[in-house]
Amino acid sequence: MGEWWRGGVIYQVYPRSFQDSNGDGIGDLPGIIRRLDHIVSLGVDCIWLSPITRSPQADMGYDVSDYRDVDPLFGSLHDFDSLVEQAHARGLKVIMDQVVSHTSDLHPWFQESRLNRTNAKADWYAWADPLPDGSPPNNWPAVFGGRAWEWNPTRGQYYLHNFLASQPDLNFHNPEVQQAVLDVMRFWLERGIDGFRLDTVNYYFHDRKLRSNPPNKRHEHLPYAVNPYDMQEHRYSKSQPENVDFLRRVRSLLNEFPGTTSVGEVGDSHKSVQLMAEYTSGGDTLHMCYGFDFLGPEFTAAHFRTRIEQFFKAGPDSWPCWSFSNHDVPRHMTRWAAHSRSPAELARQTAALVLSLKGSVCLYQGEELGLPETDLLFEELTDPRGIRFWPEDKGRDGCRTPIPWDEGEAPNGFTSGTPWLPVKPAQSALNVAAQNGDETSTLGFYRTILAWRKAHAALIEGSVEFEKTAEPILAYRRVAGDHSLLCVFNLSPDPREVTVSGIASGIELEPVSQNAALAGKTLKLGANGYAFVALPASTRAKVSYKD
C-alpha cells in the first residue's frame, strides 16, 4: 500500500454539520455517505471523521461514554461499516478520532472508579488527595475554565480533568489503562478503519509528583488573559516524557495493519513544533502530528518559514500535517481577512500555500467553499468554551456551522429540519451548488490545485529550501529528483515586485499561479499574488526582495 499518508491530503468531516439524513438537524453517517462523491471530486486521499462514538455530547462527542459503539445521533455500527466500505470503493481512506486522554464521567470505567479506592478500576483515572486545607493538590487549570480538579466526596479525593469536569482524565501511568486504550484502537482497526487522529495526544500523561505549573512569562497579554489557562506554562500537567513510549506502542499496533496511519494533535503553546517532531521521529512513533502554529492569527513570511525550519531541524526524519482551519479555531478566511481585499483571492492563496508546504495536509470541510467564520448570537451557542468566555472568546461554534449544499434559502439542503447551528447568509451564499461546475469558483480552484499537486512529486515528498526575503514575501523551493518547484507568495493586499535570478528566459509560470507575471528577472505579484515556477533541480534560482 505504500506510505500513502506521506504528502497525502486529509479532508476533515465534522459529522454534526456535514449532511443530515433524517431531519433531526444533526449530520450523520448516512448523510456523509450521500455526500462522498463531493469529497471524491476534490481529489483528496482520506477522510477524517470527528467523534462519532457514543457520548452525552457535553463537548460535542469529545466526551466518550462507549468507545466501541456509534452514537445513535450519527447512526449505527452498520452505518459506519457501510461508510468505510463505500469510501474504500471510491479510493478514499477513512481515519477517525480517538479521544483517549479522557472519557465522559458517564463511561462505565469512571462510574466504577469513583465508587471507592479499592475497586478494580480505582487507579484508572488521575485521583489525588486534597491538601491539608481541603484545596486541590496543585494549581493546574482546566482548558475550559476553573481548576482542573473536581472533588468526589465518595472517595474523598479530587480527580483530574484537563477539560470539562464531566471529562475525567485517564491515568496512563497505569499499564491496564494503556492496554485498554490499545484494545479500543484494535476494535476499530479490525473493522477496517485506516487509522486515527489522536485527540490531545500530548495530554495522556501527567506529572507523577503533581508539581504545580510555573507562570507563563511569554504571553503578551498577561496577566489579563481571556482564559486563565493561558497564564501558565503547562510544564507538569501535560507533555510528559513518558508519552513517547506509549506512542511507540500505538505505532506497533498500527504496524499490524499495513497501510494504516496516525495523526496526533499537539496542543502546546510553548514547544508545539518540538513535540510534533519528537512524536513523529525514528519511524517507530506516530506517522504525523499537527499543532496550532498555523491555526492562529499570525500571517507572516517569517512565521511560516521559521516554524517549518524549526520542525525539520528538530526532527529531520519527522513528518508534519499542516492545516489552516479545523473544528477548534476560527476559520482562516476570517482570521486572515485583514491581509486581503478579496476573499476569493485569499482563499486561493491560502490553498496554494498549505498545499505546497513540506508535509501532509488537512483540509477542514467548507474550506473548499471559502467559508468564513459564522457570526453567532450568544443564545445560539452550544460550545461550553464560548458560553463561558463570551464575548472575548466566542468559542468554536462559528467554524462548526453546517455545510450549505443547495442554492436558495438556509439551511441549503443540509437538513429538512432545524439545524443544530444556524446557516447564516454569508455561508448560504457560498453553497456547493452555486460553485459546482464553475472553474473560477473557490471550489473549482480547490479541485484544480489538488489535481495539479498530485502531478508534482516535489510537492509530495520533496525537500524544502527557504529564501530569506523581507516581509511580506515568502519564497521557497521544493525539490525531488531532477525536478524542483519555485514557490513565491505575496502575503499582502498590496502589489510587490520580486527579483528572480538564475533562470532561463522564456520560463512560464504554472497555470495555478495567481496575480503574477514574470518578465525577465522581475516577478510582479499583485494582491495576494503567488507564483509557481517548475525548473530542473540543477537550476539555482535566487529570489530577492527588500521592502
Protein backbone atom coordinates (compact mmCIF):
# COMPACT_ATOMS: atom_id res chain seq x y z
CA MET A 1 0.00 0.00 0.00
CA GLY A 2 2.98 2.28 0.39
CA GLU A 3 3.12 5.38 2.53
CA TRP A 4 0.01 6.99 1.05
CA TRP A 5 -0.20 9.32 4.05
CA ARG A 6 3.20 10.90 3.38
CA GLY A 7 2.26 14.02 1.48
CA GLY A 8 -1.37 12.92 1.43
CA VAL A 9 -4.33 15.27 1.78
CA ILE A 10 -6.87 14.54 4.52
CA TYR A 11 -10.36 16.05 4.48
CA GLN A 12 -11.81 16.61 7.94
CA VAL A 13 -15.51 15.85 8.22
CA TYR A 14 -17.29 17.28 11.25
CA PRO A 15 -20.23 14.85 11.18
CA ARG A 16 -22.73 17.02 13.08
CA SER A 17 -22.50 19.64 10.33
CA PHE A 18 -21.87 17.75 7.10
CA GLN A 19 -25.22 16.28 6.00
CA ASP A 20 -28.34 15.32 7.93
CA SER A 21 -30.29 12.38 6.51
CA ASN A 22 -33.21 12.05 8.96
CA GLY A 23 -34.39 15.61 9.60
CA ASP A 24 -33.26 15.91 13.23
CA GLY A 25 -30.97 18.82 12.34
CA ILE A 26 -27.76 16.94 13.12
CA GLY A 27 -25.50 15.48 10.46
CA ASP A 28 -24.99 11.71 10.45
CA LEU A 29 -23.17 8.80 8.81
CA PRO A 30 -25.81 8.14 6.12
CA GLY A 31 -25.53 11.83 5.26
CA ILE A 32 -21.77 11.54 4.85
CA ILE A 33 -22.28 8.51 2.58
CA ARG A 34 -24.68 10.57 0.48
CA ARG A 35 -22.01 13.26 0.00
CA LEU A 36 -18.99 11.01 -0.56
CA ASP A 37 -18.87 11.90 -4.25
CA HIS A 38 -18.35 15.56 -3.35
CA ILE A 39 -15.31 14.61 -1.29
CA VAL A 40 -14.03 12.36 -4.08
CA SER A 41 -14.43 15.19 -6.60
CA LEU A 42 -11.95 17.30 -4.65
CA GLY A 43 -9.12 14.85 -5.20
CA VAL A 44 -8.21 14.24 -1.54
CA ASP A 45 -6.81 10.96 -0.23
CA CYS A 46 -8.56 10.43 3.07
CA ILE A 47 -11.48 11.41 5.30
CA TRP A 48 -11.01 12.20 8.99
CA LEU A 49 -14.20 11.73 10.99
CA SER A 50 -14.53 13.86 14.10
CA PRO A 51 -16.02 11.88 17.03
CA ILE A 52 -18.92 9.55 16.23
CA THR A 53 -18.71 7.24 19.27
CA ARG A 54 -21.38 7.14 21.97
CA SER A 55 -21.36 10.29 24.09
CA PRO A 56 -23.61 12.55 26.18
CA GLN A 57 -22.34 15.33 23.87
CA ALA A 58 -21.30 17.72 26.65
CA ASP A 59 -18.30 18.55 24.45
CA MET A 60 -19.83 17.53 21.12
CA GLY A 61 -18.56 13.95 21.22
CA TYR A 62 -15.15 14.61 22.75
CA ASP A 63 -16.56 13.09 25.94
CA VAL A 64 -16.85 9.38 25.16
CA SER A 65 -19.11 7.10 27.18
CA ASP A 66 -18.64 3.99 24.99
CA TYR A 67 -15.58 3.59 22.76
CA ARG A 68 -16.98 0.61 20.85
CA ASP A 69 -20.30 1.93 19.60
CA VAL A 70 -21.58 4.69 17.33
CA ASP A 71 -23.72 7.34 18.99
CA PRO A 72 -27.36 7.00 17.82
CA LEU A 73 -27.20 10.66 16.78
CA PHE A 74 -24.95 9.60 13.92
CA GLY A 75 -26.33 6.15 13.11
CA SER A 76 -25.10 2.65 13.88
CA LEU A 77 -22.09 0.40 13.58
CA HIS A 78 -23.72 -0.91 10.40
CA ASP A 79 -23.75 2.66 9.02
CA PHE A 80 -20.09 3.01 9.98
CA ASP A 81 -19.17 -0.21 8.19
CA SER A 82 -21.11 0.94 5.14
CA LEU A 83 -19.34 4.31 5.14
CA VAL A 84 -15.91 2.67 5.26
CA GLU A 85 -16.87 0.21 2.54
CA GLN A 86 -18.26 2.87 0.23
CA ALA A 87 -15.34 5.23 0.84
CA HIS A 88 -12.87 2.45 0.06
CA ALA A 89 -14.79 1.61 -3.12
CA ARG A 90 -14.16 5.20 -4.21
CA GLY A 91 -10.47 5.09 -3.36
CA LEU A 92 -10.78 7.08 -0.15
CA LYS A 93 -9.12 6.14 3.13
CA VAL A 94 -11.01 6.76 6.39
CA ILE A 95 -9.48 7.68 9.75
CA MET A 96 -11.43 8.50 12.90
CA ASP A 97 -10.95 10.47 16.08
CA GLN A 98 -9.71 8.60 19.12
CA VAL A 99 -10.33 10.65 22.25
CA VAL A 100 -8.46 8.66 24.86
CA SER A 101 -6.78 11.21 27.12
CA HIS A 102 -10.09 11.41 28.96
CA THR A 103 -13.57 9.87 28.94
CA SER A 104 -17.04 11.06 29.82
CA ASP A 105 -17.92 10.83 33.51
CA LEU A 106 -20.72 8.52 32.32
CA HIS A 107 -18.25 5.95 30.98
CA PRO A 108 -18.53 2.66 32.92
CA TRP A 109 -14.81 2.83 33.71
CA PHE A 110 -15.27 6.09 35.62
CA GLN A 111 -18.56 5.03 37.17
CA GLU A 112 -16.66 2.15 38.77
CA SER A 113 -13.51 4.11 39.57
CA ARG A 114 -15.38 6.80 41.50
CA LEU A 115 -17.07 4.33 43.91
CA ASN A 116 -14.14 3.79 46.28
CA ARG A 117 -10.35 3.49 46.43
CA THR A 118 -10.26 -0.31 46.25
CA ASN A 119 -12.30 -1.31 43.19
CA ALA A 120 -10.75 -2.90 40.08
CA LYS A 121 -10.60 0.44 38.26
CA ALA A 122 -9.74 2.60 41.27
CA ASP A 123 -6.45 3.63 39.66
CA TRP A 124 -7.74 4.03 36.08
CA TYR A 125 -8.18 7.80 36.48
CA ALA A 126 -5.94 10.53 37.91
CA TRP A 127 -7.03 10.76 41.56
CA ALA A 128 -5.29 12.84 44.23
CA ASP A 129 -5.75 13.64 47.91
CA PRO A 130 -6.60 17.20 48.93
CA LEU A 131 -4.09 19.46 50.59
CA PRO A 132 -4.48 19.82 54.37
CA ASP A 133 -6.75 22.84 53.89
CA GLY A 134 -9.01 20.86 51.55
CA SER A 135 -7.91 22.57 48.38
CA PRO A 136 -6.79 20.74 45.19
CA PRO A 137 -3.32 19.17 45.10
CA ASN A 138 -1.82 21.82 42.79
CA ASN A 139 -2.55 24.87 40.64
CA TRP A 140 -3.40 23.16 37.35
CA PRO A 141 -6.23 24.90 35.46
CA ALA A 142 -8.74 23.39 33.04
CA VAL A 143 -8.77 24.45 29.39
CA PHE A 144 -12.46 25.33 29.64
CA GLY A 145 -12.04 27.43 32.79
CA GLY A 146 -11.66 26.87 36.51
CA ARG A 147 -9.44 24.37 38.28
CA ALA A 148 -8.53 21.07 36.62
CA TRP A 149 -9.58 19.21 39.77
CA GLU A 150 -13.09 18.14 40.77
CA TRP A 151 -13.97 16.91 44.25
CA ASN A 152 -15.50 13.45 44.65
CA PRO A 153 -16.94 13.04 48.17
CA THR A 154 -17.42 9.27 47.78
CA ARG A 155 -13.66 8.71 47.54
CA GLY A 156 -12.67 11.82 49.46
CA GLN A 157 -10.35 12.75 46.60
CA TYR A 158 -10.06 15.03 43.61
CA TYR A 159 -9.95 13.78 40.04
CA LEU A 160 -8.11 15.49 37.23
CA HIS A 161 -9.99 16.92 34.23
CA ASN A 162 -8.00 18.97 31.75
CA PHE A 163 -11.23 19.97 30.02
CA LEU A 164 -14.79 19.86 31.42
CA ALA A 165 -15.47 18.47 34.89
CA SER A 166 -17.51 15.80 33.06
CA GLN A 167 -14.34 14.72 31.18
CA PRO A 168 -12.13 12.96 33.77
CA ASP A 169 -8.56 12.22 32.69
CA LEU A 170 -7.43 8.61 32.37
CA ASN A 171 -4.31 7.60 34.31
CA PHE A 172 -1.84 6.46 31.65
CA HIS A 173 0.69 5.64 34.35
CA ASN A 174 -1.44 2.53 34.86
CA PRO A 175 -0.45 -0.21 32.34
CA GLU A 176 -4.02 -1.55 32.38
CA VAL A 177 -5.27 1.78 31.03
CA GLN A 178 -2.73 1.75 28.23
CA GLN A 179 -3.78 -1.75 27.24
CA ALA A 180 -7.47 -0.87 27.38
CA VAL A 181 -6.88 2.07 25.05
CA LEU A 182 -4.90 -0.08 22.63
CA ASP A 183 -7.70 -2.67 22.69
CA VAL A 184 -10.18 0.06 21.70
CA MET A 185 -7.97 1.01 18.76
CA ARG A 186 -7.70 -2.62 17.71
CA PHE A 187 -11.50 -2.89 17.72
CA TRP A 188 -11.78 -0.17 15.06
CA LEU A 189 -8.76 -1.34 13.07
CA GLU A 190 -10.36 -4.76 12.78
CA ARG A 191 -13.48 -3.08 11.40
CA GLY A 192 -11.40 -1.71 8.53
CA ILE A 193 -10.54 1.83 9.62
CA ASP A 194 -7.36 3.23 8.04
CA GLY A 195 -6.02 4.87 11.18
CA PHE A 196 -6.65 7.52 13.77
CA ARG A 197 -6.50 11.17 14.53
CA LEU A 198 -5.41 11.19 18.18
CA ASP A 199 -7.07 13.99 20.12
CA THR A 200 -4.92 15.92 22.62
CA VAL A 201 -2.08 13.44 22.14
CA ASN A 202 0.27 15.29 24.49
CA TYR A 203 -2.22 15.18 27.37
CA TYR A 204 -2.00 11.44 28.03
CA PHE A 205 0.44 11.61 30.93
CA HIS A 206 0.62 14.00 33.86
CA ASP A 207 3.49 14.53 36.28
CA ARG A 208 3.52 11.73 38.85
CA LYS A 209 4.58 14.17 41.58
CA LEU A 210 1.71 16.55 40.75
CA ARG A 211 4.03 19.55 40.80
CA SER A 212 2.42 22.95 40.24
CA ASN A 213 2.97 24.69 36.93
CA PRO A 214 5.07 27.87 36.76
CA PRO A 215 3.60 31.12 35.40
CA ASN A 216 3.71 31.78 31.68
CA LYS A 217 6.26 34.54 31.18
CA ARG A 218 6.00 34.61 27.40
CA HIS A 219 2.40 35.58 26.72
CA GLU A 220 1.98 39.17 25.59
CA HIS A 221 -1.42 39.79 27.22
CA LEU A 222 -0.60 38.51 30.68
CA PRO A 223 -1.76 38.88 33.38
CA TYR A 224 -5.12 39.63 31.77
CA ALA A 225 -5.66 36.61 29.56
CA VAL A 226 -9.23 35.93 28.50
CA ASN A 227 -8.74 32.37 29.72
CA PRO A 228 -6.60 31.88 32.86
CA TYR A 229 -5.32 28.66 31.28
CA ASP A 230 -3.06 30.85 29.14
CA MET A 231 -1.43 32.33 32.23
CA GLN A 232 0.57 29.18 32.98
CA GLU A 233 3.37 27.26 31.37
CA HIS A 234 1.92 23.75 31.43
CA ARG A 235 5.17 22.05 32.33
CA TYR A 236 3.72 19.31 34.53
CA SER A 237 0.05 18.88 33.58
CA LYS A 238 0.80 17.58 30.06
CA SER A 239 3.56 16.84 27.51
CA GLN A 240 5.42 14.43 29.83
CA PRO A 241 8.40 12.34 28.61
CA GLU A 242 6.59 9.04 29.29
CA ASN A 243 4.29 9.83 26.38
CA VAL A 244 6.79 8.78 23.71
CA ASP A 245 6.99 5.16 24.89
CA PHE A 246 3.21 4.85 24.72
CA LEU A 247 3.16 6.31 21.21
CA ARG A 248 5.60 3.56 20.23
CA ARG A 249 3.02 1.04 21.44
CA VAL A 250 0.40 2.74 19.27
CA ARG A 251 2.71 2.55 16.25
CA SER A 252 3.46 -1.12 16.94
CA LEU A 253 -0.28 -1.84 16.90
CA LEU A 254 -0.78 0.11 13.67
CA ASN A 255 2.08 -1.81 12.08
CA GLU A 256 -0.06 -4.95 12.42
CA PHE A 257 -2.48 -3.33 9.96
CA PRO A 258 -0.48 -2.36 6.86
CA GLY A 259 -1.46 0.91 5.23
CA THR A 260 -2.89 2.48 8.38
CA THR A 261 -1.72 5.80 9.76
CA SER A 262 -1.89 8.15 12.73
CA VAL A 263 -2.16 11.93 13.14
CA GLY A 264 -1.54 13.34 16.58
CA GLU A 265 -2.98 16.66 17.76
CA VAL A 266 -0.37 18.54 19.81
CA GLY A 267 -1.82 21.29 21.96
CA ASP A 268 1.06 23.27 23.44
CA SER A 269 1.81 26.97 23.11
CA HIS A 270 5.44 26.71 24.25
CA LYS A 271 7.00 23.79 22.38
CA SER A 272 4.46 22.67 19.81
CA VAL A 273 6.90 22.25 16.92
CA GLN A 274 9.42 20.37 19.06
CA LEU A 275 6.75 17.96 20.34
CA MET A 276 5.42 17.42 16.82
CA ALA A 277 8.91 16.46 15.72
CA GLU A 278 9.60 14.28 18.77
CA TYR A 279 6.29 12.41 18.42
CA THR A 280 6.95 11.53 14.75
CA SER A 281 10.67 10.77 14.74
CA GLY A 282 12.50 7.49 14.37
CA GLY A 283 9.92 5.62 12.32
CA ASP A 284 8.54 3.93 15.45
CA THR A 285 6.30 6.67 16.86
CA LEU A 286 3.36 8.42 15.18
CA HIS A 287 3.22 8.87 11.42
CA MET A 288 2.24 12.56 11.56
CA CYS A 289 1.40 15.33 14.00
CA TYR A 290 -0.12 18.77 13.78
CA GLY A 291 -0.01 21.68 16.17
CA PHE A 292 -1.71 25.06 16.35
CA ASP A 293 1.14 27.13 14.90
CA PHE A 294 -0.72 27.82 11.66
CA LEU A 295 -4.17 27.87 13.27
CA GLY A 296 -3.73 31.29 14.89
CA PRO A 297 -3.69 34.93 13.76
CA GLU A 298 -0.09 35.09 12.51
CA PHE A 299 0.17 35.51 8.75
CA THR A 300 3.76 36.49 8.01
CA ALA A 301 6.53 35.02 5.90
CA ALA A 302 8.80 34.77 8.94
CA HIS A 303 6.18 32.83 10.90
CA PHE A 304 5.67 30.19 8.20
CA ARG A 305 9.37 29.89 7.42
CA THR A 306 10.66 29.68 11.00
CA ARG A 307 8.10 27.12 12.18
CA ILE A 308 8.80 24.78 9.26
CA GLU A 309 12.55 25.18 9.59
CA GLN A 310 12.35 24.54 13.34
CA PHE A 311 10.29 21.41 12.80
CA PHE A 312 12.69 19.75 10.37
CA LYS A 313 15.71 20.87 12.38
CA ALA A 314 14.23 19.22 15.48
CA GLY A 315 13.25 16.07 13.57
CA PRO A 316 14.91 15.62 10.17
CA ASP A 317 13.04 12.34 9.67
CA SER A 318 9.81 13.54 11.31
CA TRP A 319 6.64 14.33 9.36
CA PRO A 320 4.11 17.14 9.91
CA CYS A 321 0.49 17.53 8.86
CA TRP A 322 -0.23 21.21 8.26
CA SER A 323 -3.65 22.82 8.41
CA PHE A 324 -5.01 26.37 8.40
CA SER A 325 -8.51 25.61 9.75
CA ASN A 326 -10.26 22.96 11.81
CA HIS A 327 -13.13 22.47 14.25
CA ASP A 328 -11.29 24.18 17.13
CA VAL A 329 -10.36 27.59 15.72
CA PRO A 330 -11.98 30.46 13.79
CA ARG A 331 -11.87 29.78 10.06
CA HIS A 332 -8.77 31.20 8.40
CA MET A 333 -10.83 33.15 5.88
CA THR A 334 -11.88 35.33 8.82
CA ARG A 335 -8.67 35.14 10.89
CA TRP A 336 -6.56 36.38 7.98
CA ALA A 337 -9.11 38.64 6.26
CA ALA A 338 -7.12 41.77 7.10
CA HIS A 339 -4.32 40.54 4.82
CA SER A 340 -6.52 40.63 1.73
CA ARG A 341 -9.08 42.80 -0.03
CA SER A 342 -10.66 39.86 -1.84
CA PRO A 343 -11.96 36.75 -0.07
CA ALA A 344 -11.70 34.75 -3.31
CA GLU A 345 -8.02 35.68 -3.74
CA LEU A 346 -7.26 34.91 -0.09
CA ALA A 347 -8.99 31.53 -0.42
CA ARG A 348 -6.87 30.60 -3.43
CA GLN A 349 -3.65 31.88 -1.95
CA THR A 350 -4.05 30.03 1.34
CA ALA A 351 -4.95 26.83 -0.52
CA ALA A 352 -1.86 27.18 -2.71
CA LEU A 353 0.28 27.84 0.35
CA VAL A 354 -0.82 24.94 2.56
CA LEU A 355 -0.76 22.55 -0.41
CA SER A 356 2.83 23.44 -1.31
CA LEU A 357 4.41 23.18 2.16
CA LYS A 358 6.54 20.17 3.02
CA GLY A 359 4.33 17.69 4.85
CA SER A 360 0.87 16.25 4.66
CA VAL A 361 -2.21 18.48 4.62
CA CYS A 362 -5.52 18.52 6.43
CA LEU A 363 -8.37 20.48 4.88
CA TYR A 364 -11.42 21.27 7.01
CA GLN A 365 -14.87 20.87 5.49
CA GLY A 366 -16.01 24.13 3.92
CA GLU A 367 -12.52 25.40 3.14
CA GLU A 368 -13.15 24.38 -0.46
CA LEU A 369 -16.10 26.79 -0.48
CA GLY A 370 -14.16 29.69 1.05
CA LEU A 371 -16.46 29.72 4.09
CA PRO A 372 -15.79 32.47 6.64
CA GLU A 373 -16.44 32.18 10.37
CA THR A 374 -20.15 32.33 11.18
CA ASP A 375 -21.20 35.29 13.31
CA LEU A 376 -23.44 33.85 16.04
CA LEU A 377 -25.50 35.36 18.81
CA PHE A 378 -24.85 34.29 22.38
CA GLU A 379 -28.20 32.48 22.56
CA GLU A 380 -27.21 30.42 19.50
CA LEU A 381 -24.07 28.99 21.11
CA THR A 382 -23.64 25.36 22.13
CA ASP A 383 -19.89 25.31 22.85
CA PRO A 384 -19.10 25.34 26.60
CA ARG A 385 -15.93 27.35 25.99
CA GLY A 386 -17.75 30.10 24.13
CA ILE A 387 -20.56 30.21 26.67
CA ARG A 388 -18.06 30.59 29.50
CA PHE A 389 -15.74 33.19 27.95
CA TRP A 390 -18.17 35.21 25.78
CA PRO A 391 -17.73 37.72 24.21
CA GLU A 392 -13.92 37.93 24.23
CA ASP A 393 -13.74 34.26 23.21
CA LYS A 394 -16.80 33.31 21.20
CA GLY A 395 -15.88 29.63 21.23
CA ARG A 396 -15.82 27.13 18.41
CA ASP A 397 -19.38 27.13 17.12
CA GLY A 398 -18.60 29.72 14.44
CA CYS A 399 -16.43 27.27 12.49
CA ARG A 400 -18.81 24.34 13.04
CA THR A 401 -21.98 25.56 11.33
CA PRO A 402 -23.49 23.26 8.67
CA ILE A 403 -22.26 22.97 5.09
CA PRO A 404 -24.57 24.79 2.64
CA TRP A 405 -25.22 22.36 -0.20
CA ASP A 406 -28.09 23.73 -2.26
CA GLU A 407 -28.95 27.14 -3.66
CA GLY A 408 -31.74 29.18 -2.15
CA GLU A 409 -32.53 29.76 1.49
CA ALA A 410 -30.87 28.33 4.59
CA PRO A 411 -30.23 25.61 5.62
CA ASN A 412 -29.43 24.99 1.93
CA GLY A 413 -30.12 21.28 1.81
CA PHE A 414 -28.19 20.38 4.97
CA THR A 415 -31.36 19.21 6.71
CA SER A 416 -35.12 19.10 6.23
CA GLY A 417 -35.45 20.13 9.88
CA THR A 418 -33.94 22.85 12.05
CA PRO A 419 -30.12 22.71 12.02
CA TRP A 420 -28.35 22.38 15.36
CA LEU A 421 -26.42 25.53 14.48
CA PRO A 422 -27.81 28.12 12.05
CA VAL A 423 -26.69 28.64 8.46
CA LYS A 424 -26.31 32.41 8.05
CA PRO A 425 -26.48 34.40 4.77
CA ALA A 426 -22.69 34.75 4.39
CA GLN A 427 -22.32 30.97 4.37
CA SER A 428 -25.54 30.32 2.46
CA ALA A 429 -24.29 32.41 -0.46
CA LEU A 430 -21.24 30.17 -0.88
CA ASN A 431 -23.21 26.95 -1.31
CA VAL A 432 -21.84 23.96 -3.19
CA ALA A 433 -24.44 24.01 -5.95
CA ALA A 434 -23.64 27.61 -6.93
CA GLN A 435 -19.91 26.83 -7.19
CA ASN A 436 -20.18 23.41 -8.84
CA GLY A 437 -19.17 23.43 -12.47
CA ASP A 438 -17.62 26.91 -12.20
CA GLU A 439 -13.87 26.53 -12.61
CA THR A 440 -13.36 30.13 -11.47
CA SER A 441 -15.05 29.47 -8.11
CA THR A 442 -13.17 28.60 -4.94
CA LEU A 443 -14.50 25.05 -5.19
CA GLY A 444 -13.32 24.81 -8.79
CA PHE A 445 -9.89 26.08 -7.79
CA TYR A 446 -9.50 23.53 -4.99
CA ARG A 447 -10.20 20.72 -7.45
CA THR A 448 -7.73 22.19 -9.93
CA ILE A 449 -4.87 22.72 -7.48
CA LEU A 450 -5.31 19.36 -5.75
CA ALA A 451 -5.00 17.63 -9.14
CA TRP A 452 -2.02 19.83 -10.02
CA ARG A 453 -0.35 18.99 -6.70
CA LYS A 454 -0.55 15.26 -7.36
CA ALA A 455 1.24 15.78 -10.67
CA HIS A 456 4.29 17.30 -8.94
CA ALA A 457 6.34 14.79 -6.96
CA ALA A 458 8.34 17.62 -5.42
CA LEU A 459 5.21 18.69 -3.51
CA ILE A 460 4.54 15.24 -2.11
CA GLU A 461 7.90 14.26 -0.65
CA GLY A 462 10.39 16.83 -1.92
CA SER A 463 12.77 18.77 0.29
CA VAL A 464 12.14 22.41 1.14
CA GLU A 465 14.67 25.24 0.87
CA PHE A 466 13.65 28.72 2.00
CA GLU A 467 14.84 32.06 0.70
CA LYS A 468 15.40 34.79 3.29
CA THR A 469 13.19 37.56 1.96
CA ALA A 470 11.73 40.62 3.63
CA GLU A 471 8.04 40.77 4.53
CA PRO A 472 5.55 40.14 3.02
CA ILE A 473 7.31 37.81 0.58
CA LEU A 474 7.57 34.10 1.35
CA ALA A 475 9.72 32.10 -1.05
CA TYR A 476 10.95 28.50 -1.10
CA ARG A 477 11.89 25.65 -3.40
CA ARG A 478 10.52 22.14 -3.28
CA VAL A 479 12.99 19.66 -4.79
CA ALA A 480 12.64 15.97 -5.68
CA GLY A 481 14.95 14.09 -8.04
CA ASP A 482 15.51 16.09 -11.22
CA HIS A 483 12.63 18.45 -10.62
CA SER A 484 12.07 21.48 -8.46
CA LEU A 485 9.31 23.97 -7.96
CA LEU A 486 9.94 27.58 -7.01
CA CYS A 487 7.12 28.94 -4.84
CA VAL A 488 6.78 32.68 -4.20
CA PHE A 489 3.93 34.30 -2.22
CA ASN A 490 2.96 37.91 -1.60
CA LEU A 491 1.19 37.71 1.76
CA SER A 492 -0.35 41.15 1.47
CA PRO A 493 -3.11 43.07 -0.34
CA ASP A 494 -0.57 45.41 -1.97
CA PRO A 495 1.40 44.72 -5.19
CA ARG A 496 5.08 43.79 -4.89
CA GLU A 497 7.96 43.28 -7.33
CA VAL A 498 10.40 40.45 -6.66
CA THR A 499 13.71 39.74 -8.38
CA VAL A 500 14.22 36.16 -9.57
CA SER A 501 17.68 35.41 -10.91
CA GLY A 502 19.31 32.30 -12.30
CA ILE A 503 16.51 31.04 -14.51
CA ALA A 504 16.42 30.89 -18.29
CA SER A 505 14.40 33.41 -20.28
CA GLY A 506 11.02 32.32 -21.56
CA ILE A 507 10.14 30.31 -18.46
CA GLU A 508 6.39 30.36 -17.86
CA LEU A 509 4.54 30.30 -14.59
CA GLU A 510 2.48 27.28 -13.62
CA PRO A 511 -1.19 27.83 -14.55
CA VAL A 512 -2.38 27.72 -10.92
CA SER A 513 -0.42 30.90 -10.17
CA GLN A 514 -2.48 33.97 -9.23
CA ASN A 515 -1.97 37.71 -9.87
CA ALA A 516 1.56 37.00 -11.06
CA ALA A 517 3.62 37.91 -14.13
CA LEU A 518 7.26 37.04 -14.86
CA ALA A 519 9.23 39.22 -17.28
CA GLY A 520 12.98 38.59 -17.36
CA LYS A 521 14.14 38.71 -13.74
CA THR A 522 11.13 40.66 -12.50
CA LEU A 523 8.26 38.80 -10.90
CA LYS A 524 5.27 41.05 -10.37
CA LEU A 525 2.89 39.85 -7.69
CA GLY A 526 -0.44 41.58 -7.26
CA ALA A 527 -2.65 41.47 -4.20
CA ASN A 528 -2.24 38.04 -2.58
CA GLY A 529 -0.37 37.02 -5.70
CA TYR A 530 1.74 33.89 -5.84
CA ALA A 531 3.79 32.14 -8.47
CA PHE A 532 4.91 28.57 -9.05
CA VAL A 533 7.79 28.02 -11.43
CA ALA A 534 8.78 24.49 -12.48
CA LEU A 535 12.54 24.17 -13.00
CA PRO A 536 15.22 21.49 -13.32
CA ALA A 537 16.65 20.69 -9.88
CA SER A 538 20.06 21.84 -11.12
CA THR A 539 18.76 25.38 -11.65
CA ARG A 540 19.77 27.50 -8.69
CA ALA A 541 17.13 30.19 -8.88
CA LYS A 542 17.53 33.01 -6.38
CA VAL A 543 14.68 35.11 -5.07
CA SER A 544 15.39 38.51 -3.54
CA TYR A 545 13.09 41.14 -2.15
CA LYS A 546 13.80 44.13 0.04
CA ASP A 547 10.98 46.24 1.36
